[in-house]
Amino acid sequence: MYQFGISTHLFHNHRLTRDHLVHIAAHGFESVELFATRSHFDYRSDEAVAELVEWLSDTRLSVHSMHAPIMERMEKGRWVSAFSNAASDESRRKAAVAETEAALAVASRIPFQYLVLHLGVPAGQQPSASDNQAQTARRSVEEIAAAAARVNVRVAVEVIPNALSDAATLARLLEDELEGLDVGVCLDYGHAHLMGDLGEAIEELSGHLWTTHVHDNHGKKDDHLTPYAGTIDWDAAMMETQKIGYDGVLMFEVDDSGDPVDVLRRCAKARERLEKSFVTF
């Protein structure tokens, strides 16, 4: 049986609070992914980390994963100062890696299994060509994986809409360029659906899939909708996921559509539908 979690991406526009975790737990979810944006969760603040330790104990939630920093802050739903670990400018690349290492330090107080890592900047943020360079991305993954290993965390690079990060490209990266490095993939179902054939993407990641992001869209925009609110065929997606042997966490990464508690209610219903879609081989 799969375990289900919720990313705090749902509350990304706000400072993370105890009430957010209370609502997640109240809707039957067992684990969370922490979204490491300092305007949301300040991973550099000892006080913020200490508060989170208490909140997790109160709600009996576990932290499955942390999403590595991708921007300086979120402001009114917009990214401000995107980080790029694939930048050709070495000072900018190092700054992105340093922020990721600062977020990883939280694992010494709050253990988590996976760091979910973007390579470069998503196409939707209109990156320049210098933002998404394959050679510098590889260097950053090597550095971040070494830092993660020191705190017993494993790195999962995420399928995102850019030339570095479709499923086939990530599989080749792990098999040819980073062979022997302890790195896997986070399959973002919504992103893979936007980029082409979701079933084919799942198959490409066989043997590399460590964790997931579960959300939906209509194939045009990265809407981060609740599953079944878009055009993904979730029965087929779950069957393909089971076929490649993945039995880990299904982590909902949905947007706040104006009432996050209602979004959680819809996620709980989607969870029930997903559970019914599982088959026995």
Protein backbone atom coordinates (compact mmCIF):
# COMPACT_ATOMS: atom_id res chain seq x y z
CA MET A 1 0.00 0.00 0.00
CA TYR A 2 1.33 3.41 -0.94
CA GLN A 3 1.78 6.16 1.62
CA PHE A 4 0.45 9.60 0.73
CA GLY A 5 1.90 12.96 1.64
CA ILE A 6 1.29 16.65 1.02
CA SER A 7 3.92 19.19 0.01
CA THR A 8 3.81 22.48 1.87
CA HIS A 9 3.79 23.93 -1.65
CA LEU A 10 0.05 24.24 -0.93
CA PHE A 11 0.92 27.07 1.50
CA HIS A 12 3.88 28.42 -0.46
CA ASN A 13 2.55 31.97 -0.56
CA HIS A 14 2.49 32.12 3.24
CA ARG A 15 4.82 31.60 6.15
CA LEU A 16 4.48 27.98 7.27
CA THR A 17 2.52 27.65 10.52
CA ARG A 18 1.45 24.94 12.95
CA ASP A 19 -2.14 25.28 11.71
CA HIS A 20 -1.05 24.29 8.20
CA LEU A 21 0.32 21.01 9.52
CA VAL A 22 -2.74 20.46 11.70
CA HIS A 23 -4.94 20.71 8.60
CA ILE A 24 -2.72 18.28 6.67
CA ALA A 25 -2.86 15.71 9.47
CA ALA A 26 -6.61 16.18 9.94
CA HIS A 27 -7.18 15.12 6.32
CA GLY A 28 -5.42 11.80 6.81
CA PHE A 29 -2.01 12.50 5.32
CA GLU A 30 0.99 11.00 7.08
CA SER A 31 3.99 12.87 5.72
CA VAL A 32 5.02 16.17 4.19
CA GLU A 33 7.54 17.60 1.78
CA LEU A 34 8.95 20.88 3.08
CA PHE A 35 9.26 23.54 0.42
CA ALA A 36 12.51 25.36 1.22
CA THR A 37 11.78 28.95 0.29
CA ARG A 38 12.80 31.33 3.06
CA SER A 39 9.64 33.44 2.79
CA HIS A 40 7.70 30.21 3.46
CA PHE A 41 10.00 28.13 5.67
CA ASP A 42 13.23 29.83 6.70
CA TYR A 43 15.65 26.93 6.69
CA ARG A 44 18.45 29.26 7.82
CA SER A 45 16.60 30.22 11.03
CA ASP A 46 17.30 28.14 14.15
CA GLU A 47 14.04 29.44 15.62
CA ALA A 48 11.99 28.36 12.59
CA VAL A 49 13.55 24.90 12.64
CA ALA A 50 12.93 24.52 16.39
CA GLU A 51 9.27 25.53 15.96
CA LEU A 52 8.85 23.01 13.17
CA VAL A 53 10.27 20.24 15.35
CA GLU A 54 7.50 20.97 17.89
CA TRP A 55 4.76 21.18 15.27
CA LEU A 56 5.74 17.88 13.70
CA SER A 57 5.68 16.22 17.12
CA ASP A 58 2.25 17.72 17.87
CA THR A 59 0.74 16.57 14.57
CA ARG A 60 2.64 13.25 14.34
CA LEU A 61 3.62 14.03 10.78
CA SER A 62 6.93 12.85 9.35
CA VAL A 63 9.05 14.71 6.83
CA HIS A 64 9.56 12.54 3.77
CA SER A 65 11.48 15.05 1.69
CA MET A 66 12.59 18.62 1.28
CA HIS A 67 12.30 20.58 -1.94
CA ALA A 68 15.61 22.35 -2.52
CA PRO A 69 15.48 26.15 -2.77
CA ILE A 70 14.53 27.39 -6.24
CA MET A 71 14.11 31.11 -5.52
CA GLU A 72 14.97 33.76 -2.99
CA ARG A 73 11.33 34.31 -2.05
CA MET A 74 7.73 33.97 -3.21
CA GLU A 75 5.84 37.25 -3.51
CA LYS A 76 2.13 37.38 -4.40
CA GLY A 77 2.40 34.06 -6.20
CA ARG A 78 5.48 35.07 -8.21
CA TRP A 79 9.05 33.84 -8.06
CA VAL A 80 11.56 36.48 -6.98
CA SER A 81 15.23 35.91 -7.88
CA ALA A 82 15.30 32.35 -9.18
CA PHE A 83 18.29 30.21 -8.23
CA SER A 84 20.06 28.20 -10.93
CA ASN A 85 22.48 25.41 -10.12
CA ALA A 86 23.01 25.05 -13.89
CA ALA A 87 24.08 28.65 -14.51
CA SER A 88 27.15 29.27 -16.64
CA ASP A 89 28.09 32.09 -14.28
CA GLU A 90 30.09 30.31 -11.58
CA SER A 91 29.24 32.73 -8.78
CA ARG A 92 25.53 32.29 -9.47
CA ARG A 93 25.86 28.51 -9.62
CA LYS A 94 27.77 28.44 -6.34
CA ALA A 95 25.15 30.64 -4.69
CA ALA A 96 22.42 28.18 -5.69
CA VAL A 97 24.42 25.23 -4.36
CA ALA A 98 25.10 27.10 -1.10
CA GLU A 99 21.37 27.66 -0.55
CA THR A 100 20.71 23.97 -1.14
CA GLU A 101 23.43 23.02 1.35
CA ALA A 102 21.89 25.39 3.91
CA ALA A 103 18.52 23.65 3.47
CA LEU A 104 20.18 20.24 3.80
CA ALA A 105 21.53 21.28 7.21
CA VAL A 106 17.96 21.06 8.55
CA ALA A 107 18.30 17.25 8.33
CA SER A 108 20.51 17.31 11.43
CA ARG A 109 17.44 18.43 13.41
CA ILE A 110 14.58 17.11 11.29
CA PRO A 111 15.53 13.91 9.45
CA PHE A 112 14.18 13.43 5.94
CA GLN A 113 14.92 10.88 3.27
CA TYR A 114 15.11 12.80 0.01
CA LEU A 115 16.15 16.19 -1.30
CA VAL A 116 14.12 17.01 -4.42
CA LEU A 117 16.30 19.03 -6.77
CA HIS A 118 15.54 21.13 -9.84
CA LEU A 119 18.27 21.26 -12.46
CA GLY A 120 18.32 24.83 -13.70
CA VAL A 121 15.19 26.95 -14.15
CA PRO A 122 11.83 25.77 -15.56
CA ALA A 123 10.87 27.00 -19.00
CA GLY A 124 7.82 28.74 -17.53
CA GLN A 125 10.12 31.18 -15.73
CA GLN A 126 11.62 32.25 -19.07
CA PRO A 127 15.24 31.39 -18.29
CA SER A 128 18.11 32.64 -20.41
CA ALA A 129 20.31 30.14 -22.23
CA SER A 130 23.00 30.68 -19.58
CA ASP A 131 20.63 29.46 -16.83
CA ASN A 132 20.39 25.86 -18.03
CA GLN A 133 23.80 24.46 -18.91
CA ALA A 134 24.23 20.68 -18.76
CA GLN A 135 27.90 20.73 -17.74
CA THR A 136 27.38 23.02 -14.75
CA ALA A 137 24.23 21.11 -13.76
CA ARG A 138 26.27 17.90 -13.53
CA ARG A 139 28.90 19.62 -11.39
CA SER A 140 26.22 20.90 -9.03
CA VAL A 141 24.56 17.49 -8.69
CA GLU A 142 27.90 15.96 -7.73
CA GLU A 143 28.53 18.64 -5.09
CA ILE A 144 24.99 18.49 -3.69
CA ALA A 145 24.95 14.69 -3.57
CA ALA A 146 28.16 14.75 -1.53
CA ALA A 147 26.68 17.30 0.88
CA ALA A 148 23.46 15.29 1.15
CA ALA A 149 25.32 12.08 1.94
CA ARG A 150 26.94 13.77 4.95
CA VAL A 151 23.48 14.19 6.53
CA ASN A 152 22.07 10.82 5.34
CA VAL A 153 19.86 12.33 2.64
CA ARG A 154 19.56 11.10 -0.95
CA VAL A 155 19.13 13.40 -3.95
CA ALA A 156 16.21 12.99 -6.37
CA VAL A 157 16.38 15.23 -9.44
CA GLU A 158 12.93 16.33 -10.54
CA VAL A 159 11.25 16.04 -13.92
CA ILE A 160 10.59 19.69 -14.78
CA PRO A 161 9.80 21.48 -18.06
CA ASN A 162 13.24 22.34 -19.39
CA ALA A 163 15.73 20.71 -21.74
CA LEU A 164 17.79 19.31 -18.84
CA SER A 165 14.98 17.56 -17.06
CA ASP A 166 12.59 15.50 -19.17
CA ALA A 167 12.43 11.87 -18.09
CA ALA A 168 14.59 10.48 -20.91
CA THR A 169 17.30 13.09 -20.41
CA LEU A 170 17.42 12.49 -16.67
CA ALA A 171 17.63 8.73 -17.18
CA ARG A 172 20.57 9.20 -19.57
CA LEU A 173 22.23 11.58 -17.12
CA LEU A 174 22.07 9.02 -14.32
CA GLU A 175 23.11 6.08 -16.49
CA ASP A 176 25.87 7.72 -18.54
CA GLU A 177 27.14 10.86 -16.79
CA LEU A 178 26.55 10.16 -13.10
CA GLU A 179 26.92 6.39 -13.01
CA GLY A 180 27.79 5.24 -9.51
CA LEU A 181 26.49 8.41 -7.85
CA ASP A 182 23.67 7.87 -5.34
CA VAL A 183 21.10 9.97 -7.22
CA GLY A 184 17.59 9.12 -8.39
CA VAL A 185 14.55 10.89 -9.82
CA CYS A 186 11.44 12.59 -8.52
CA LEU A 187 8.70 11.95 -11.07
CA ASP A 188 6.46 14.98 -11.26
CA TYR A 189 3.37 13.59 -12.97
CA GLY A 190 2.01 17.00 -13.90
CA HIS A 191 5.28 18.13 -15.46
CA ALA A 192 5.71 14.89 -17.38
CA HIS A 193 2.14 15.23 -18.69
CA LEU A 194 2.90 18.77 -19.90
CA MET A 195 6.03 17.56 -21.68
CA GLY A 196 4.51 14.69 -23.65
CA ASP A 197 3.64 11.05 -22.99
CA LEU A 198 3.32 10.42 -19.24
CA GLY A 199 3.26 6.64 -19.64
CA GLU A 200 6.45 6.75 -21.66
CA ALA A 201 8.08 8.99 -19.04
CA ILE A 202 7.22 6.54 -16.28
CA GLU A 203 8.73 3.69 -18.28
CA GLU A 204 11.90 5.71 -18.96
CA LEU A 205 12.43 6.12 -15.21
CA SER A 206 12.25 2.43 -14.34
CA GLY A 207 15.01 1.71 -11.85
CA HIS A 208 15.56 5.39 -11.07
CA LEU A 209 12.28 6.48 -9.46
CA TRP A 210 12.66 7.36 -5.77
CA THR A 211 9.86 9.81 -5.01
CA THR A 212 7.03 11.69 -6.68
CA HIS A 213 5.00 14.86 -7.08
CA VAL A 214 1.32 14.21 -7.76
CA HIS A 215 -0.80 16.91 -9.41
CA ASP A 216 -2.83 17.47 -12.56
CA ASN A 217 -3.25 19.92 -15.43
CA HIS A 218 -4.92 20.20 -18.85
CA GLY A 219 -1.70 19.72 -20.81
CA LYS A 220 -1.13 23.43 -21.40
CA LYS A 221 -0.18 25.13 -18.12
CA ASP A 222 1.57 23.95 -14.96
CA ASP A 223 -1.62 24.35 -12.92
CA HIS A 224 -0.80 22.00 -10.00
CA LEU A 225 -4.44 20.89 -9.81
CA THR A 226 -5.80 18.17 -7.59
CA PRO A 227 -5.64 14.77 -9.35
CA TYR A 228 -8.70 14.12 -11.56
CA ALA A 229 -9.24 17.88 -12.08
CA GLY A 230 -7.17 17.84 -15.29
CA THR A 231 -6.57 15.48 -18.19
CA ILE A 232 -4.13 12.93 -16.75
CA ASP A 233 -5.41 9.36 -16.97
CA TRP A 234 -4.65 8.43 -13.37
CA ASP A 235 -5.73 4.80 -13.69
CA ALA A 236 -3.19 4.31 -16.48
CA ALA A 237 -0.54 6.35 -14.65
CA MET A 238 -0.87 4.30 -11.47
CA MET A 239 -0.79 1.04 -13.42
CA GLU A 240 2.43 2.10 -15.18
CA THR A 241 3.91 3.23 -11.86
CA GLN A 242 3.17 -0.13 -10.29
CA LYS A 243 4.55 -1.96 -13.32
CA ILE A 244 7.99 -0.40 -12.88
CA GLY A 245 7.97 -1.48 -9.23
CA TYR A 246 7.60 1.87 -7.49
CA ASP A 247 5.91 1.51 -4.11
CA GLY A 248 7.05 4.67 -2.33
CA VAL A 249 5.30 7.87 -1.29
CA LEU A 250 2.81 9.61 -3.57
CA MET A 251 3.38 13.25 -2.63
CA PHE A 252 0.61 15.68 -3.59
CA GLU A 253 2.09 19.00 -4.77
CA VAL A 254 -0.98 21.11 -5.41
CA ASP A 255 -1.66 24.84 -5.56
CA ASP A 256 -3.84 26.88 -3.25
CA SER A 257 -6.90 27.83 -5.30
CA GLY A 258 -8.18 30.24 -2.64
CA ASP A 259 -9.21 27.87 0.17
CA PRO A 260 -6.40 25.49 1.15
CA VAL A 261 -8.62 23.51 3.50
CA ASP A 262 -11.00 22.82 0.62
CA VAL A 263 -8.00 21.81 -1.52
CA LEU A 264 -6.99 19.34 1.21
CA ARG A 265 -10.53 17.95 1.26
CA ARG A 266 -10.36 17.41 -2.51
CA CYS A 267 -6.93 15.83 -2.15
CA ALA A 268 -8.31 13.38 0.40
CA LYS A 269 -11.04 12.38 -2.07
CA ALA A 270 -8.47 12.04 -4.85
CA ARG A 271 -6.38 9.84 -2.55
CA GLU A 272 -9.34 7.49 -2.15
CA ARG A 273 -9.79 7.30 -5.92
CA LEU A 274 -6.10 6.64 -6.45
CA GLU A 275 -6.17 3.82 -3.89
CA LYS A 276 -9.02 2.19 -5.80
CA SER A 277 -7.00 2.38 -9.02
CA PHE A 278 -4.21 0.16 -7.71
CA VAL A 279 -4.15 -3.35 -9.17
CA THR A 280 -2.70 -6.65 -8.05
CA PHE A 281 -0.30 -8.21 -10.54
